[in-house]
């Protein structure tokens, strides 16, 4: 139930994005575009397979990091000063 959905060992969202990109590139006239589309699909598939082999949840983690990057970036926060005050009893 918590396992990532893989297609041929590659995350389904990555393979879907690669397929859409390949379809857009392959639509153009000329055999060069079709060869480039096939090469792009194979390259994305190879990189996705390597990344999924190391960690099947790699793309899920990277997507969460991309969405919450500003939350953890110390340069995007306002600086704060720590002030210690003595209390008089």
PDB file of N, CA and C in Angstrom:
ATOM      1  N   UNK A   1       0.814  -1.183   0.000  1.00  0.00           N
ATOM      2  CA  UNK A   1       0.000   0.000   0.000  1.00  0.00           C
ATOM      3  C   UNK A   1       0.866   1.259   0.000  1.00  0.00           C
ATOM      4  N   UNK A   2       1.994   1.252   0.670  1.00  0.00           N
ATOM      5  CA  UNK A   2       2.858   2.419   0.711  1.00  0.00           C
ATOM      6  C   UNK A   2       3.982   2.358  -0.306  1.00  0.00           C
ATOM      7  N   UNK A   3       4.004   1.334  -1.127  1.00  0.00           N
ATOM      8  CA  UNK A   3       5.054   1.223  -2.140  1.00  0.00           C
ATOM      9  C   UNK A   3       4.773   2.173  -3.292  1.00  0.00           C
ATOM     10  N   UNK A   4       5.821   2.774  -3.864  1.00  0.00           N
ATOM     11  CA  UNK A   4       5.596   3.689  -4.996  1.00  0.00           C
ATOM     12  C   UNK A   4       5.148   2.929  -6.232  1.00  0.00           C
ATOM     13  N   UNK A   5       4.385   3.595  -7.076  1.00  0.00           N
ATOM     14  CA  UNK A   5       3.917   2.972  -8.308  1.00  0.00           C
ATOM     15  C   UNK A   5       4.972   3.153  -9.381  1.00  0.00           C
ATOM     16  N   UNK A   6       5.531   2.043  -9.819  1.00  0.00           N
ATOM     17  CA  UNK A   6       6.591   2.065 -10.815  1.00  0.00           C
ATOM     18  C   UNK A   6       6.113   1.428 -12.107  1.00  0.00           C
ATOM     19  N   UNK A   7       6.564   1.957 -13.223  1.00  0.00           N
ATOM     20  CA  UNK A   7       6.320   1.379 -14.542  1.00  0.00           C
ATOM     21  C   UNK A   7       7.688   1.056 -15.122  1.00  0.00           C
ATOM     22  N   UNK A   8       7.965  -0.216 -15.343  1.00  0.00           N
ATOM     23  CA  UNK A   8       9.273  -0.682 -15.816  1.00  0.00           C
ATOM     24  C   UNK A   8      10.396  -0.221 -14.887  1.00  0.00           C
ATOM     25  N   UNK A   9      10.105  -0.135 -13.604  1.00  0.00           N
ATOM     26  CA  UNK A   9      11.105   0.262 -12.629  1.00  0.00           C
ATOM     27  C   UNK A   9      11.322   1.755 -12.529  1.00  0.00           C
ATOM     28  N   UNK A  10      10.460   2.560 -13.169  1.00  0.00           N
ATOM     29  CA  UNK A  10      10.586   4.018 -13.165  1.00  0.00           C
ATOM     30  C   UNK A  10       9.296   4.589 -12.595  1.00  0.00           C
ATOM     31  N   UNK A  11       9.417   5.672 -11.817  1.00  0.00           N
ATOM     32  CA  UNK A  11       8.243   6.307 -11.225  1.00  0.00           C
ATOM     33  C   UNK A  11       7.245   6.697 -12.312  1.00  0.00           C
ATOM     34  N   UNK A  12       5.963   6.470 -12.057  1.00  0.00           N
ATOM     35  CA  UNK A  12       4.959   6.679 -13.106  1.00  0.00           C
ATOM     36  C   UNK A  12       4.834   8.143 -13.508  1.00  0.00           C
ATOM     37  N   UNK A  13       5.060   9.089 -12.590  1.00  0.00           N
ATOM     38  CA  UNK A  13       4.978  10.500 -12.957  1.00  0.00           C
ATOM     39  C   UNK A  13       6.132  10.896 -13.872  1.00  0.00           C
ATOM     40  N   UNK A  14       7.318  10.376 -13.595  1.00  0.00           N
ATOM     41  CA  UNK A  14       8.471  10.692 -14.440  1.00  0.00           C
ATOM     42  C   UNK A  14       8.289  10.106 -15.834  1.00  0.00           C
ATOM     43  N   UNK A  15       7.828   8.872 -15.914  1.00  0.00           N
ATOM     44  CA  UNK A  15       7.650   8.248 -17.227  1.00  0.00           C
ATOM     45  C   UNK A  15       6.525   8.960 -17.995  1.00  0.00           C
ATOM     46  N   UNK A  16       5.511   9.464 -17.281  1.00  0.00           N
ATOM     47  CA  UNK A  16       4.442  10.215 -17.931  1.00  0.00           C
ATOM     48  C   UNK A  16       4.926  11.539 -18.495  1.00  0.00           C
ATOM     49  N   UNK A  17       5.748  12.255 -17.706  1.00  0.00           N
ATOM     50  CA  UNK A  17       6.308  13.515 -18.198  1.00  0.00           C
ATOM     51  C   UNK A  17       7.237  13.275 -19.377  1.00  0.00           C
ATOM     52  N   UNK A  18       8.026  12.204 -19.317  1.00  0.00           N
ATOM     53  CA  UNK A  18       8.928  11.890 -20.426  1.00  0.00           C
ATOM     54  C   UNK A  18       8.121  11.557 -21.680  1.00  0.00           C
ATOM     55  N   UNK A  19       7.036  10.820 -21.523  1.00  0.00           N
ATOM     56  CA  UNK A  19       6.217  10.453 -22.674  1.00  0.00           C
ATOM     57  C   UNK A  19       5.579  11.684 -23.319  1.00  0.00           C
ATOM     58  N   UNK A  20       5.100  12.614 -22.492  1.00  0.00           N
ATOM     59  CA  UNK A  20       4.497  13.834 -23.040  1.00  0.00           C
ATOM     60  C   UNK A  20       5.548  14.656 -23.784  1.00  0.00           C
ATOM     61  N   UNK A  21       6.743  14.783 -23.210  1.00  0.00           N
ATOM     62  CA  UNK A  21       7.819  15.505 -23.884  1.00  0.00           C
ATOM     63  C   UNK A  21       8.216  14.866 -25.191  1.00  0.00           C
ATOM     64  N   UNK A  22       8.295  13.537 -25.183  1.00  0.00           N
ATOM     65  CA  UNK A  22       8.650  12.810 -26.403  1.00  0.00           C
ATOM     66  C   UNK A  22       7.565  12.966 -27.459  1.00  0.00           C
ATOM     67  N   UNK A  23       6.311  12.945 -27.018  1.00  0.00           N
ATOM     68  CA  UNK A  23       5.215  13.108 -27.981  1.00  0.00           C
ATOM     69  C   UNK A  23       5.247  14.500 -28.616  1.00  0.00           C
ATOM     70  N   UNK A  24       5.564  15.514 -27.840  1.00  0.00           N
ATOM     71  CA  UNK A  24       5.631  16.871 -28.392  1.00  0.00           C
ATOM     72  C   UNK A  24       6.806  17.032 -29.347  1.00  0.00           C
ATOM     73  N   UNK A  25       7.946  16.459 -28.995  1.00  0.00           N
ATOM     74  CA  UNK A  25       9.115  16.555 -29.875  1.00  0.00           C
ATOM     75  C   UNK A  25       8.917  15.703 -31.124  1.00  0.00           C
ATOM     76  N   UNK A  26       8.368  14.505 -30.971  1.00  0.00           N
ATOM     77  CA  UNK A  26       8.191  13.594 -32.095  1.00  0.00           C
ATOM     78  C   UNK A  26       7.129  14.011 -33.082  1.00  0.00           C
ATOM     79  N   UNK A  27       6.287  14.981 -32.711  1.00  0.00           N
ATOM     80  CA  UNK A  27       5.242  15.447 -33.616  1.00  0.00           C
ATOM     81  C   UNK A  27       5.791  16.215 -34.803  1.00  0.00           C
ATOM     82  N   UNK A  28       6.936  16.798 -34.652  1.00  0.00           N
ATOM     83  CA  UNK A  28       7.508  17.619 -35.729  1.00  0.00           C
ATOM     84  C   UNK A  28       7.898  16.751 -36.921  1.00  0.00           C
ATOM     85  N   UNK A  29       7.948  17.390 -38.067  1.00  0.00           N
ATOM     86  CA  UNK A  29       8.330  16.677 -39.285  1.00  0.00           C
ATOM     87  C   UNK A  29       9.831  16.449 -39.310  1.00  0.00           C
ATOM     88  N   UNK A  30      10.221  15.355 -39.884  1.00  0.00           N
ATOM     89  CA  UNK A  30      11.643  15.054 -40.019  1.00  0.00           C
ATOM     90  C   UNK A  30      12.055  13.900 -39.117  1.00  0.00           C
ATOM     91  N   UNK A  31      12.959  13.125 -39.611  1.00  0.00           N
ATOM     92  CA  UNK A  31      13.398  11.954 -38.849  1.00  0.00           C
ATOM     93  C   UNK A  31      14.330  12.349 -37.706  1.00  0.00           C
ATOM     94  N   UNK A  32      14.949  13.539 -37.775  1.00  0.00           N
ATOM     95  CA  UNK A  32      15.847  13.975 -36.702  1.00  0.00           C
ATOM     96  C   UNK A  32      15.080  14.173 -35.400  1.00  0.00           C
ATOM     97  N   UNK A  33      13.875  14.699 -35.503  1.00  0.00           N
ATOM     98  CA  UNK A  33      13.070  14.920 -34.311  1.00  0.00           C
ATOM     99  C   UNK A  33      12.631  13.595 -33.696  1.00  0.00           C
ATOM    100  N   UNK A  34      12.332  12.643 -34.529  1.00  0.00           N
ATOM    101  CA  UNK A  34      11.912  11.335 -34.013  1.00  0.00           C
ATOM    102  C   UNK A  34      13.078  10.626 -33.316  1.00  0.00           C
ATOM    103  N   UNK A  35      14.273  10.724 -33.894  1.00  0.00           N
ATOM    104  CA  UNK A  35      15.463  10.137 -33.268  1.00  0.00           C
ATOM    105  C   UNK A  35      15.775  10.856 -31.956  1.00  0.00           C
ATOM    106  N   UNK A  36      15.648  12.186 -31.955  1.00  0.00           N
ATOM    107  CA  UNK A  36      15.891  12.953 -30.730  1.00  0.00           C
ATOM    108  C   UNK A  36      14.880  12.595 -29.647  1.00  0.00           C
ATOM    109  N   UNK A  37      13.624  12.386 -30.045  1.00  0.00           N
ATOM    110  CA  UNK A  37      12.592  12.018 -29.074  1.00  0.00           C
ATOM    111  C   UNK A  37      12.881  10.644 -28.470  1.00  0.00           C
ATOM    112  N   UNK A  38      13.276   9.700 -29.283  1.00  0.00           N
ATOM    113  CA  UNK A  38      13.600   8.362 -28.777  1.00  0.00           C
ATOM    114  C   UNK A  38      14.825   8.414 -27.864  1.00  0.00           C
ATOM    115  N   UNK A  39      15.827   9.211 -28.254  1.00  0.00           N
ATOM    116  CA  UNK A  39      17.029   9.346 -27.415  1.00  0.00           C
ATOM    117  C   UNK A  39      16.685   9.998 -26.076  1.00  0.00           C
ATOM    118  N   UNK A  40      15.827  11.017 -26.104  1.00  0.00           N
ATOM    119  CA  UNK A  40      15.411  11.674 -24.867  1.00  0.00           C
ATOM    120  C   UNK A  40      14.663  10.705 -23.964  1.00  0.00           C
ATOM    121  N   UNK A  41      13.763   9.926 -24.534  1.00  0.00           N
ATOM    122  CA  UNK A  41      12.994   8.964 -23.746  1.00  0.00           C
ATOM    123  C   UNK A  41      13.913   7.918 -23.117  1.00  0.00           C
ATOM    124  N   UNK A  42      14.872   7.432 -23.879  1.00  0.00           N
ATOM    125  CA  UNK A  42      15.810   6.443 -23.335  1.00  0.00           C
ATOM    126  C   UNK A  42      16.688   7.053 -22.246  1.00  0.00           C
ATOM    127  N   UNK A  43      17.124   8.294 -22.435  1.00  0.00           N
ATOM    128  CA  UNK A  43      17.966   8.945 -21.429  1.00  0.00           C
ATOM    129  C   UNK A  43      17.200   9.180 -20.133  1.00  0.00           C
ATOM    130  N   UNK A  44      15.981   9.684 -20.234  1.00  0.00           N
ATOM    131  CA  UNK A  44      15.171   9.908 -19.033  1.00  0.00           C
ATOM    132  C   UNK A  44      14.850   8.576 -18.363  1.00  0.00           C
ATOM    133  N   UNK A  45      14.569   7.574 -19.163  1.00  0.00           N
ATOM    134  CA  UNK A  45      14.302   6.245 -18.600  1.00  0.00           C
ATOM    135  C   UNK A  45      15.508   5.672 -17.876  1.00  0.00           C
ATOM    136  N   UNK A  46      16.688   5.850 -18.443  1.00  0.00           N
ATOM    137  CA  UNK A  46      17.909   5.339 -17.820  1.00  0.00           C
ATOM    138  C   UNK A  46      18.190   6.043 -16.492  1.00  0.00           C
ATOM    139  N   UNK A  47      18.082   7.372 -16.489  1.00  0.00           N
ATOM    140  CA  UNK A  47      18.324   8.132 -15.259  1.00  0.00           C
ATOM    141  C   UNK A  47      17.259   7.807 -14.210  1.00  0.00           C
ATOM    142  N   UNK A  48      16.020   7.697 -14.640  1.00  0.00           N
ATOM    143  CA  UNK A  48      14.947   7.346 -13.707  1.00  0.00           C
ATOM    144  C   UNK A  48      15.114   5.959 -13.131  1.00  0.00           C
ATOM    145  N   UNK A  49      15.572   5.032 -13.949  1.00  0.00           N
ATOM    146  CA  UNK A  49      15.796   3.665 -13.465  1.00  0.00           C
ATOM    147  C   UNK A  49      16.930   3.627 -12.438  1.00  0.00           C
ATOM    148  N   UNK A  50      18.014   4.356 -12.708  1.00  0.00           N
ATOM    149  CA  UNK A  50      19.124   4.409 -11.751  1.00  0.00           C
ATOM    150  C   UNK A  50      18.682   5.034 -10.425  1.00  0.00           C
ATOM    151  N   UNK A  51      17.936   6.136 -10.508  1.00  0.00           N
ATOM    152  CA  UNK A  51      17.486   6.802  -9.287  1.00  0.00           C
ATOM    153  C   UNK A  51      16.487   5.935  -8.520  1.00  0.00           C
ATOM    154  N   UNK A  52      15.608   5.235  -9.225  1.00  0.00           N
ATOM    155  CA  UNK A  52      14.618   4.385  -8.566  1.00  0.00           C
ATOM    156  C   UNK A  52      15.245   3.125  -7.988  1.00  0.00           C
ATOM    157  N   UNK A  53      16.341   2.699  -8.552  1.00  0.00           N
ATOM    158  CA  UNK A  53      17.017   1.517  -8.027  1.00  0.00           C
ATOM    159  C   UNK A  53      17.651   1.829  -6.666  1.00  0.00           C
ATOM    160  N   UNK A  54      18.213   3.039  -6.532  1.00  0.00           N
ATOM    161  CA  UNK A  54      18.800   3.446  -5.252  1.00  0.00           C
ATOM    162  C   UNK A  54      17.721   3.627  -4.193  1.00  0.00           C
ATOM    163  N   UNK A  55      16.673   4.381  -4.538  1.00  0.00           N
ATOM    164  CA  UNK A  55      15.591   4.656  -3.604  1.00  0.00           C
ATOM    165  C   UNK A  55      14.289   4.785  -4.395  1.00  0.00           C
ATOM    166  N   UNK A  56      13.350   3.855  -4.230  1.00  0.00           N
ATOM    167  CA  UNK A  56      12.104   3.920  -5.002  1.00  0.00           C
ATOM    168  C   UNK A  56      11.275   5.176  -4.724  1.00  0.00           C
ATOM    169  N   UNK A  57      11.459   5.793  -3.575  1.00  0.00           N
ATOM    170  CA  UNK A  57      10.699   6.995  -3.230  1.00  0.00           C
ATOM    171  C   UNK A  57      11.463   8.280  -3.550  1.00  0.00           C
ATOM    172  N   UNK A  58      12.506   8.192  -4.345  1.00  0.00           N
ATOM    173  CA  UNK A  58      13.361   9.339  -4.642  1.00  0.00           C
ATOM    174  C   UNK A  58      12.571  10.500  -5.233  1.00  0.00           C
ATOM    175  N   UNK A  59      11.733  10.238  -6.205  1.00  0.00           N
ATOM    176  CA  UNK A  59      11.008  11.309  -6.877  1.00  0.00           C
ATOM    177  C   UNK A  59       9.927  11.898  -5.978  1.00  0.00           C
ATOM    178  N   UNK A  60       9.345  11.097  -5.113  1.00  0.00           N
ATOM    179  CA  UNK A  60       8.376  11.608  -4.146  1.00  0.00           C
ATOM    180  C   UNK A  60       9.059  12.555  -3.160  1.00  0.00           C
ATOM    181  N   UNK A  61      10.229  12.165  -2.683  1.00  0.00           N
ATOM    182  CA  UNK A  61      10.978  13.011  -1.741  1.00  0.00           C
ATOM    183  C   UNK A  61      11.410  14.304  -2.420  1.00  0.00           C
ATOM    184  N   UNK A  62      11.910  14.222  -3.651  1.00  0.00           N
ATOM    185  CA  UNK A  62      12.341  15.423  -4.358  1.00  0.00           C
ATOM    186  C   UNK A  62      11.167  16.359  -4.645  1.00  0.00           C
ATOM    187  N   UNK A  63       9.998  15.817  -4.933  1.00  0.00           N
ATOM    188  CA  UNK A  63       8.817  16.637  -5.177  1.00  0.00           C
ATOM    189  C   UNK A  63       8.397  17.348  -3.901  1.00  0.00           C
ATOM    190  N   UNK A  64       8.408  16.651  -2.773  1.00  0.00           N
ATOM    191  CA  UNK A  64       8.068  17.281  -1.493  1.00  0.00           C
ATOM    192  C   UNK A  64       9.081  18.356  -1.139  1.00  0.00           C
ATOM    193  N   UNK A  65      10.369  18.095  -1.404  1.00  0.00           N
ATOM    194  CA  UNK A  65      11.405  19.081  -1.129  1.00  0.00           C
ATOM    195  C   UNK A  65      11.193  20.330  -1.987  1.00  0.00           C
ATOM    196  N   UNK A  66      10.855  20.135  -3.256  1.00  0.00           N
ATOM    197  CA  UNK A  66      10.638  21.264  -4.153  1.00  0.00           C
ATOM    198  C   UNK A  66       9.457  22.110  -3.687  1.00  0.00           C
ATOM    199  N   UNK A  67       8.403  21.467  -3.175  1.00  0.00           N
ATOM    200  CA  UNK A  67       7.225  22.200  -2.730  1.00  0.00           C
ATOM    201  C   UNK A  67       7.483  22.966  -1.437  1.00  0.00           C
ATOM    202  N   UNK A  68       8.321  22.433  -0.559  1.00  0.00           N
ATOM    203  CA  UNK A  68       8.530  23.046   0.754  1.00  0.00           C
ATOM    204  C   UNK A  68       9.924  23.640   0.903  1.00  0.00           C
ATOM    205  N   UNK A  69      10.575  23.953  -0.200  1.00  0.00           N
ATOM    206  CA  UNK A  69      11.946  24.451  -0.163  1.00  0.00           C
ATOM    207  C   UNK A  69      12.054  25.752   0.627  1.00  0.00           C
ATOM    208  N   UNK A  70      11.115  26.672   0.446  1.00  0.00           N
ATOM    209  CA  UNK A  70      11.200  27.952   1.140  1.00  0.00           C
ATOM    210  C   UNK A  70      11.005  27.794   2.640  1.00  0.00           C
ATOM    211  N   UNK A  71      10.386  26.723   3.062  1.00  0.00           N
ATOM    212  CA  UNK A  71      10.165  26.482   4.476  1.00  0.00           C
ATOM    213  C   UNK A  71      11.471  26.217   5.204  1.00  0.00           C
ATOM    214  N   UNK A  72      12.424  25.575   4.539  1.00  0.00           N
ATOM    215  CA  UNK A  72      13.669  25.184   5.171  1.00  0.00           C
ATOM    216  C   UNK A  72      14.865  26.023   4.741  1.00  0.00           C
ATOM    217  N   UNK A  73      14.664  27.004   3.922  1.00  0.00           N
ATOM    218  CA  UNK A  73      15.768  27.828   3.446  1.00  0.00           C
ATOM    219  C   UNK A  73      16.031  28.950   4.440  1.00  0.00           C
ATOM    220  N   UNK A  74      17.178  28.939   5.113  1.00  0.00           N
ATOM    221  CA  UNK A  74      17.414  29.962   6.132  1.00  0.00           C
ATOM    222  C   UNK A  74      17.573  31.367   5.550  1.00  0.00           C
ATOM    223  N   UNK A  75      17.925  31.490   4.267  1.00  0.00           N
ATOM    224  CA  UNK A  75      18.084  32.812   3.680  1.00  0.00           C
ATOM    225  C   UNK A  75      16.750  33.487   3.371  1.00  0.00           C
ATOM    226  N   UNK A  76      15.675  32.720   3.344  1.00  0.00           N
ATOM    227  CA  UNK A  76      14.365  33.294   3.050  1.00  0.00           C
ATOM    228  C   UNK A  76      13.599  33.674   4.315  1.00  0.00           C
ATOM    229  N   UNK A  77      14.180  33.453   5.466  1.00  0.00           N
ATOM    230  CA  UNK A  77      13.530  33.826   6.721  1.00  0.00           C
ATOM    231  C   UNK A  77      14.067  35.159   7.199  1.00  0.00           C
ATOM    232  N   UNK A  78      13.292  35.812   8.020  1.00  0.00           N
ATOM    233  CA  UNK A  78      13.741  37.063   8.609  1.00  0.00           C
ATOM    234  C   UNK A  78      14.727  36.763   9.728  1.00  0.00           C
ATOM    235  N   UNK A  79      15.775  37.554   9.844  1.00  0.00           N
ATOM    236  CA  UNK A  79      16.716  37.308  10.933  1.00  0.00           C
ATOM    237  C   UNK A  79      16.076  37.641  12.283  1.00  0.00           C
ATOM    238  N   UNK A  80      16.504  36.958  13.287  1.00  0.00           N
ATOM    239  CA  UNK A  80      15.982  37.221  14.626  1.00  0.00           C
ATOM    240  C   UNK A  80      17.153  37.395  15.588  1.00  0.00           C
ATOM    241  N   UNK A  81      16.882  38.111  16.634  1.00  0.00           N
ATOM    242  CA  UNK A  81      17.909  38.340  17.664  1.00  0.00           C
ATOM    243  C   UNK A  81      17.398  37.749  18.965  1.00  0.00           C
ATOM    244  N   UNK A  82      18.290  37.140  19.672  1.00  0.00           N
ATOM    245  CA  UNK A  82      17.963  36.555  20.957  1.00  0.00           C
ATOM    246  C   UNK A  82      18.363  37.547  22.037  1.00  0.00           C
ATOM    247  N   UNK A  83      17.425  37.918  22.867  1.00  0.00           N
ATOM    248  CA  UNK A  83      17.689  38.877  23.915  1.00  0.00           C
ATOM    249  C   UNK A  83      17.407  38.204  25.262  1.00  0.00           C
ATOM    250  N   UNK A  84      18.378  38.263  26.139  1.00  0.00           N
ATOM    251  CA  UNK A  84      18.236  37.674  27.465  1.00  0.00           C
ATOM    252  C   UNK A  84      17.976  38.805  28.454  1.00  0.00           C
ATOM    253  N   UNK A  85      16.884  38.692  29.144  1.00  0.00           N
ATOM    254  CA  UNK A  85      16.551  39.696  30.132  1.00  0.00           C
ATOM    255  C   UNK A  85      16.574  39.093  31.516  1.00  0.00           C
ATOM    256  N   UNK A  86      17.093  39.851  32.439  1.00  0.00           N
ATOM    257  CA  UNK A  86      17.125  39.388  33.824  1.00  0.00           C
ATOM    258  C   UNK A  86      15.823  39.782  34.491  1.00  0.00           C
ATOM    259  N   UNK A  87      15.281  38.873  35.235  1.00  0.00           N
ATOM    260  CA  UNK A  87      14.074  39.191  35.970  1.00  0.00           C
ATOM    261  C   UNK A  87      14.434  39.612  37.385  1.00  0.00           C
ATOM    262  N   UNK A  88      13.801  40.663  37.866  1.00  0.00           N
ATOM    263  CA  UNK A  88      14.045  41.141  39.224  1.00  0.00           C
ATOM    264  C   UNK A  88      13.038  40.480  40.176  1.00  0.00           C
ATOM    265  N   UNK A  89      13.541  39.758  41.199  1.00  0.00           N
ATOM    266  CA  UNK A  89      12.587  39.094  42.133  1.00  0.00           C
ATOM    267  C   UNK A  89      11.982  40.017  43.139  1.00  0.00           C
TER     268      UNK A  89
END
